[in-house]
């Protein structure tokens, strides 16, 4: 569990935990720096301890219920913390929710960027071919424009070939080709800047799998807690919750435990 950071909310009657994946926004980024936690959260040095605490609360509760909150795309760390804090406070103020013995709330953060964040690095990240494609497109766009509007009357020019840019559609065709080539590259840069497809890739490839690993770790620890207490567990929730989270990693995931101890989606 060294790939996660954990913190617990202080001052809330309902046990609330914050689990953060340490996966990087880009694979070539330096080591993932720790974030400054708000005063409402106390860091847990070892994420295994957080998993054991969650499992113990579920094992001791008369009505175990693990609720996992997962954010969507375009949610950097400050936005996630603010959203989870507001949700935790609202849940803690609800008297009916607090009556549930064994309720544990867990907010999970996977690496998501703020829209527009990768714009500065877009040019550096662009391969060689699109770069030259953009240069050629800009030349095809600017040169015909200059020849068309800045050249004098072609009848006064010694070289009649320049009249092509004034009395035919050749200049327009070249300009449209240039705009198309440059526009394709700019569109790719824009799609990168809105971070939707980047966040989708991260959520699919290590955001959701990391969350599944956390659920599995809680399930394994819960089985140990119940076995130590002389109770037996039904089959694991891992496969069921894995498909649920992988199919919709940006939704809320809720796990319930039946009286026999089996988790149900």
Protein backbone atom coordinates (compact mmCIF):
# COMPACT_ATOMS: atom_id res chain seq x y z
CA UNK A 1 0.00 0.00 0.00
CA UNK A 2 2.95 2.34 -0.45
CA UNK A 3 1.25 3.77 -3.53
CA UNK A 4 -1.36 5.62 -1.47
CA UNK A 5 -1.54 8.38 1.11
CA UNK A 6 -4.12 8.36 3.84
CA UNK A 7 -5.63 10.84 6.28
CA UNK A 8 -8.50 10.76 8.75
CA UNK A 9 -10.99 13.54 9.48
CA UNK A 10 -10.74 15.04 12.95
CA UNK A 11 -13.78 16.05 14.97
CA UNK A 12 -16.42 14.10 13.00
CA UNK A 13 -18.62 11.50 14.66
CA UNK A 14 -18.74 9.37 11.50
CA UNK A 15 -15.33 7.85 10.67
CA UNK A 16 -14.19 9.61 7.51
CA UNK A 17 -10.97 8.86 5.63
CA UNK A 18 -9.19 10.46 2.69
CA UNK A 19 -7.22 8.09 0.46
CA UNK A 20 -5.06 9.55 -2.31
CA UNK A 21 -3.33 7.68 -5.11
CA UNK A 22 0.28 8.75 -5.58
CA UNK A 23 0.23 8.07 -9.33
CA UNK A 24 1.75 10.97 -11.27
CA UNK A 25 0.01 13.18 -13.79
CA UNK A 26 2.71 12.31 -16.33
CA UNK A 27 4.90 9.22 -16.28
CA UNK A 28 8.05 11.32 -16.63
CA UNK A 29 7.18 13.67 -13.76
CA UNK A 30 9.43 13.70 -10.68
CA UNK A 31 8.41 11.97 -7.48
CA UNK A 32 4.89 12.80 -6.39
CA UNK A 33 5.08 15.66 -3.87
CA UNK A 34 2.93 15.49 -0.74
CA UNK A 35 0.08 17.96 -0.46
CA UNK A 36 -0.56 20.20 2.49
CA UNK A 37 -3.60 18.79 4.25
CA UNK A 38 -6.27 21.09 5.70
CA UNK A 39 -6.44 21.27 9.50
CA UNK A 40 -9.52 19.03 9.50
CA UNK A 41 -7.45 16.09 8.26
CA UNK A 42 -4.77 14.27 10.22
CA UNK A 43 -2.24 12.36 8.10
CA UNK A 44 -1.73 8.65 8.66
CA UNK A 45 1.89 7.81 8.06
CA UNK A 46 1.22 4.29 6.84
CA UNK A 47 -1.78 3.71 4.59
CA UNK A 48 -1.95 0.12 5.83
CA UNK A 49 -2.98 1.52 9.21
CA UNK A 50 -5.90 3.36 7.59
CA UNK A 51 -6.99 0.15 5.87
CA UNK A 52 -6.87 -1.74 9.17
CA UNK A 53 -8.85 0.97 10.95
CA UNK A 54 -11.56 0.97 8.31
CA UNK A 55 -11.77 -2.83 8.39
CA UNK A 56 -11.98 -2.88 12.18
CA UNK A 57 -14.84 -0.37 12.24
CA UNK A 58 -16.74 -2.42 9.67
CA UNK A 59 -16.08 -5.64 11.56
CA UNK A 60 -17.31 -4.19 14.85
CA UNK A 61 -20.39 -2.46 13.42
CA UNK A 62 -23.87 -3.92 13.62
CA UNK A 63 -24.73 -2.54 10.19
CA UNK A 64 -21.43 -2.22 8.29
CA UNK A 65 -21.54 0.20 5.40
CA UNK A 66 -18.58 1.53 3.44
CA UNK A 67 -19.32 4.55 1.25
CA UNK A 68 -16.68 5.59 -1.27
CA UNK A 69 -16.80 9.00 -2.93
CA UNK A 70 -14.91 9.43 -6.21
CA UNK A 71 -14.54 12.69 -8.13
CA UNK A 72 -14.68 13.27 -11.88
CA UNK A 73 -12.35 14.90 -14.41
CA UNK A 74 -11.01 18.46 -14.14
CA UNK A 75 -10.66 18.15 -10.37
CA UNK A 76 -7.23 19.11 -9.03
CA UNK A 77 -6.31 18.55 -5.41
CA UNK A 78 -7.77 21.80 -3.94
CA UNK A 79 -11.13 21.22 -5.61
CA UNK A 80 -11.28 17.61 -4.43
CA UNK A 81 -10.45 18.50 -0.85
CA UNK A 82 -13.08 21.23 -0.78
CA UNK A 83 -15.75 18.95 -2.22
CA UNK A 84 -14.98 16.06 0.11
CA UNK A 85 -14.83 18.32 3.15
CA UNK A 86 -18.25 19.75 2.38
CA UNK A 87 -19.71 16.27 1.86
CA UNK A 88 -18.21 14.98 5.12
CA UNK A 89 -19.58 17.88 7.13
CA UNK A 90 -23.04 17.49 5.57
CA UNK A 91 -23.12 13.77 6.33
CA UNK A 92 -21.97 14.30 9.90
CA UNK A 93 -24.79 16.79 10.49
CA UNK A 94 -27.47 14.37 9.33
CA UNK A 95 -28.94 12.66 12.39
CA UNK A 96 -30.48 9.79 10.42
CA UNK A 97 -27.21 8.97 8.69
CA UNK A 98 -25.34 9.05 11.99
CA UNK A 99 -27.63 6.36 13.37
CA UNK A 100 -25.98 3.78 11.14
CA UNK A 101 -23.63 1.78 13.35
CA UNK A 102 -20.61 0.76 11.33
CA UNK A 103 -20.78 3.49 8.69
CA UNK A 104 -17.42 4.52 7.24
CA UNK A 105 -17.00 7.24 4.62
CA UNK A 106 -13.96 7.28 2.36
CA UNK A 107 -13.02 9.95 -0.16
CA UNK A 108 -10.69 8.76 -2.88
CA UNK A 109 -8.59 10.97 -5.13
CA UNK A 110 -6.95 9.83 -8.35
CA UNK A 111 -4.58 12.15 -10.30
CA UNK A 112 -6.74 14.64 -12.16
CA UNK A 113 -5.59 17.92 -13.69
CA UNK A 114 -7.15 21.35 -13.84
CA UNK A 115 -8.37 22.33 -17.28
CA UNK A 116 -5.67 24.29 -19.12
CA UNK A 117 -2.86 23.12 -16.86
CA UNK A 118 -0.89 21.18 -19.53
CA UNK A 119 -1.08 24.01 -22.08
CA UNK A 120 2.46 25.26 -21.43
CA UNK A 121 3.98 21.86 -22.01
CA UNK A 122 1.95 21.06 -25.11
CA UNK A 123 4.57 22.29 -27.58
CA UNK A 124 7.40 20.44 -25.84
CA UNK A 125 5.34 17.25 -25.75
CA UNK A 126 4.47 17.45 -29.46
CA UNK A 127 6.25 14.93 -31.74
CA UNK A 128 8.43 16.11 -34.62
CA UNK A 129 5.97 15.38 -37.43
CA UNK A 130 3.06 17.48 -36.06
CA UNK A 131 5.53 20.28 -35.35
CA UNK A 132 6.68 20.45 -38.96
CA UNK A 133 3.09 20.02 -40.10
CA UNK A 134 2.19 23.12 -38.14
CA UNK A 135 5.10 25.07 -39.65
CA UNK A 136 4.10 24.10 -43.19
CA UNK A 137 0.49 25.00 -42.48
CA UNK A 138 1.46 28.42 -41.20
CA UNK A 139 3.61 29.08 -44.28
CA UNK A 140 0.79 28.02 -46.60
CA UNK A 141 -1.56 30.30 -44.70
CA UNK A 142 0.56 33.44 -44.38
CA UNK A 143 2.43 33.56 -47.71
CA UNK A 144 -0.63 33.54 -50.02
CA UNK A 145 -2.26 36.13 -47.78
CA UNK A 146 0.75 38.44 -48.09
CA UNK A 147 1.06 37.92 -51.83
CA UNK A 148 -2.63 38.59 -52.37
CA UNK A 149 -2.98 41.76 -50.31
CA UNK A 150 0.48 43.29 -50.36
CA UNK A 151 1.51 42.89 -54.01
CA UNK A 152 0.74 45.83 -56.32
CA UNK A 153 -1.34 45.51 -59.47
CA UNK A 154 0.07 42.45 -61.34
CA UNK A 155 -0.11 44.33 -64.68
CA UNK A 156 2.67 46.60 -63.44
CA UNK A 157 4.91 43.68 -62.43
CA UNK A 158 7.64 42.33 -64.75
CA UNK A 159 6.85 38.78 -63.61
CA UNK A 160 3.32 37.88 -64.63
CA UNK A 161 3.28 34.72 -62.55
CA UNK A 162 2.45 36.77 -59.44
CA UNK A 163 -0.89 37.52 -61.05
CA UNK A 164 -1.96 34.01 -60.18
CA UNK A 165 -2.44 35.15 -56.57
CA UNK A 166 -4.70 38.00 -57.65
CA UNK A 167 -6.89 36.64 -60.46
CA UNK A 168 -7.42 32.95 -59.60
CA UNK A 169 -8.51 30.75 -56.73
CA UNK A 170 -5.05 29.26 -56.33
CA UNK A 171 -4.25 31.49 -53.37
CA UNK A 172 -7.47 30.47 -51.66
CA UNK A 173 -6.75 26.76 -52.15
CA UNK A 174 -3.26 27.11 -50.69
CA UNK A 175 -4.60 29.14 -47.79
CA UNK A 176 -7.28 26.55 -47.00
CA UNK A 177 -4.71 23.76 -47.10
CA UNK A 178 -2.52 25.71 -44.70
CA UNK A 179 -5.41 26.42 -42.34
CA UNK A 180 -6.35 22.73 -42.38
CA UNK A 181 -2.85 21.53 -41.55
CA UNK A 182 -2.28 24.11 -38.82
CA UNK A 183 -5.82 23.63 -37.51
CA UNK A 184 -5.34 19.90 -37.04
CA UNK A 185 -2.31 20.48 -34.84
CA UNK A 186 -4.01 23.28 -32.90
CA UNK A 187 -7.06 21.08 -32.35
CA UNK A 188 -4.87 18.34 -30.91
CA UNK A 189 -3.29 20.89 -28.58
CA UNK A 190 -6.73 22.12 -27.53
CA UNK A 191 -7.92 18.59 -26.77
CA UNK A 192 -4.85 18.12 -24.60
CA UNK A 193 -5.50 21.39 -22.78
CA UNK A 194 -9.06 20.51 -21.78
CA UNK A 195 -7.57 17.42 -20.00
CA UNK A 196 -10.71 15.33 -20.53
CA UNK A 197 -8.99 12.63 -22.55
CA UNK A 198 -5.89 12.74 -20.35
CA UNK A 199 -8.03 12.32 -17.23
CA UNK A 200 -9.99 9.52 -18.88
CA UNK A 201 -6.75 7.68 -19.59
CA UNK A 202 -5.52 8.15 -16.02
CA UNK A 203 -8.84 7.13 -14.48
CA UNK A 204 -9.03 4.00 -16.63
CA UNK A 205 -5.44 2.82 -16.33
CA UNK A 206 -4.49 3.59 -12.73
CA UNK A 207 -7.21 5.64 -11.04
CA UNK A 208 -9.84 2.89 -10.99
CA UNK A 209 -7.37 -0.03 -10.58
CA UNK A 210 -5.80 1.71 -7.57
CA UNK A 211 -9.23 2.11 -5.98
CA UNK A 212 -9.97 -1.56 -6.61
CA UNK A 213 -6.71 -2.43 -4.86
CA UNK A 214 -7.73 -0.36 -1.83
CA UNK A 215 -11.11 -2.12 -1.67
CA UNK A 216 -9.38 -5.47 -1.91
CA UNK A 217 -7.00 -4.52 0.89
CA UNK A 218 -9.94 -3.49 3.09
CA UNK A 219 -11.73 -6.73 2.25
CA UNK A 220 -8.67 -8.80 3.13
CA UNK A 221 -8.14 -6.95 6.40
CA UNK A 222 -11.83 -7.27 7.22
CA UNK A 223 -11.66 -11.02 6.72
CA UNK A 224 -8.76 -11.16 9.16
CA UNK A 225 -10.65 -9.08 11.73
CA UNK A 226 -13.74 -11.26 11.54
CA UNK A 227 -11.69 -14.46 11.62
CA UNK A 228 -9.93 -13.22 14.74
CA UNK A 229 -13.33 -12.57 16.30
CA UNK A 230 -14.47 -16.10 15.53
CA UNK A 231 -16.75 -15.18 12.64
CA UNK A 232 -16.56 -16.34 9.02
CA UNK A 233 -16.63 -14.34 5.85
CA UNK A 234 -18.50 -15.07 2.64
CA UNK A 235 -16.79 -14.71 -0.72
CA UNK A 236 -14.81 -11.57 -1.35
CA UNK A 237 -16.30 -8.39 -2.75
CA UNK A 238 -13.24 -7.72 -4.88
CA UNK A 239 -14.51 -9.00 -8.23
CA UNK A 240 -17.93 -7.37 -7.88
CA UNK A 241 -16.68 -3.97 -6.82
CA UNK A 242 -13.87 -4.12 -9.37
CA UNK A 243 -16.28 -4.28 -12.27
CA UNK A 244 -18.50 -1.62 -10.75
CA UNK A 245 -15.64 0.84 -10.28
CA UNK A 246 -13.95 0.10 -13.61
CA UNK A 247 -17.19 0.60 -15.51
CA UNK A 248 -17.79 4.02 -13.94
CA UNK A 249 -14.69 5.32 -12.12
CA UNK A 250 -16.05 8.86 -11.70
CA UNK A 251 -19.30 7.96 -9.95
CA UNK A 252 -20.07 7.36 -6.33
CA UNK A 253 -19.38 3.80 -5.26
CA UNK A 254 -21.25 2.35 -2.32
CA UNK A 255 -20.50 -0.99 -0.69
CA UNK A 256 -22.85 -2.75 1.70
CA UNK A 257 -22.29 -5.80 3.85
CA UNK A 258 -25.01 -8.33 4.45
CA UNK A 259 -25.47 -10.04 7.78
CA UNK A 260 -23.24 -12.93 6.70
CA UNK A 261 -20.38 -10.56 6.02
CA UNK A 262 -20.40 -10.45 2.22
CA UNK A 263 -20.05 -7.09 0.50
CA UNK A 264 -22.65 -6.27 -2.10
CA UNK A 265 -22.47 -3.45 -4.69
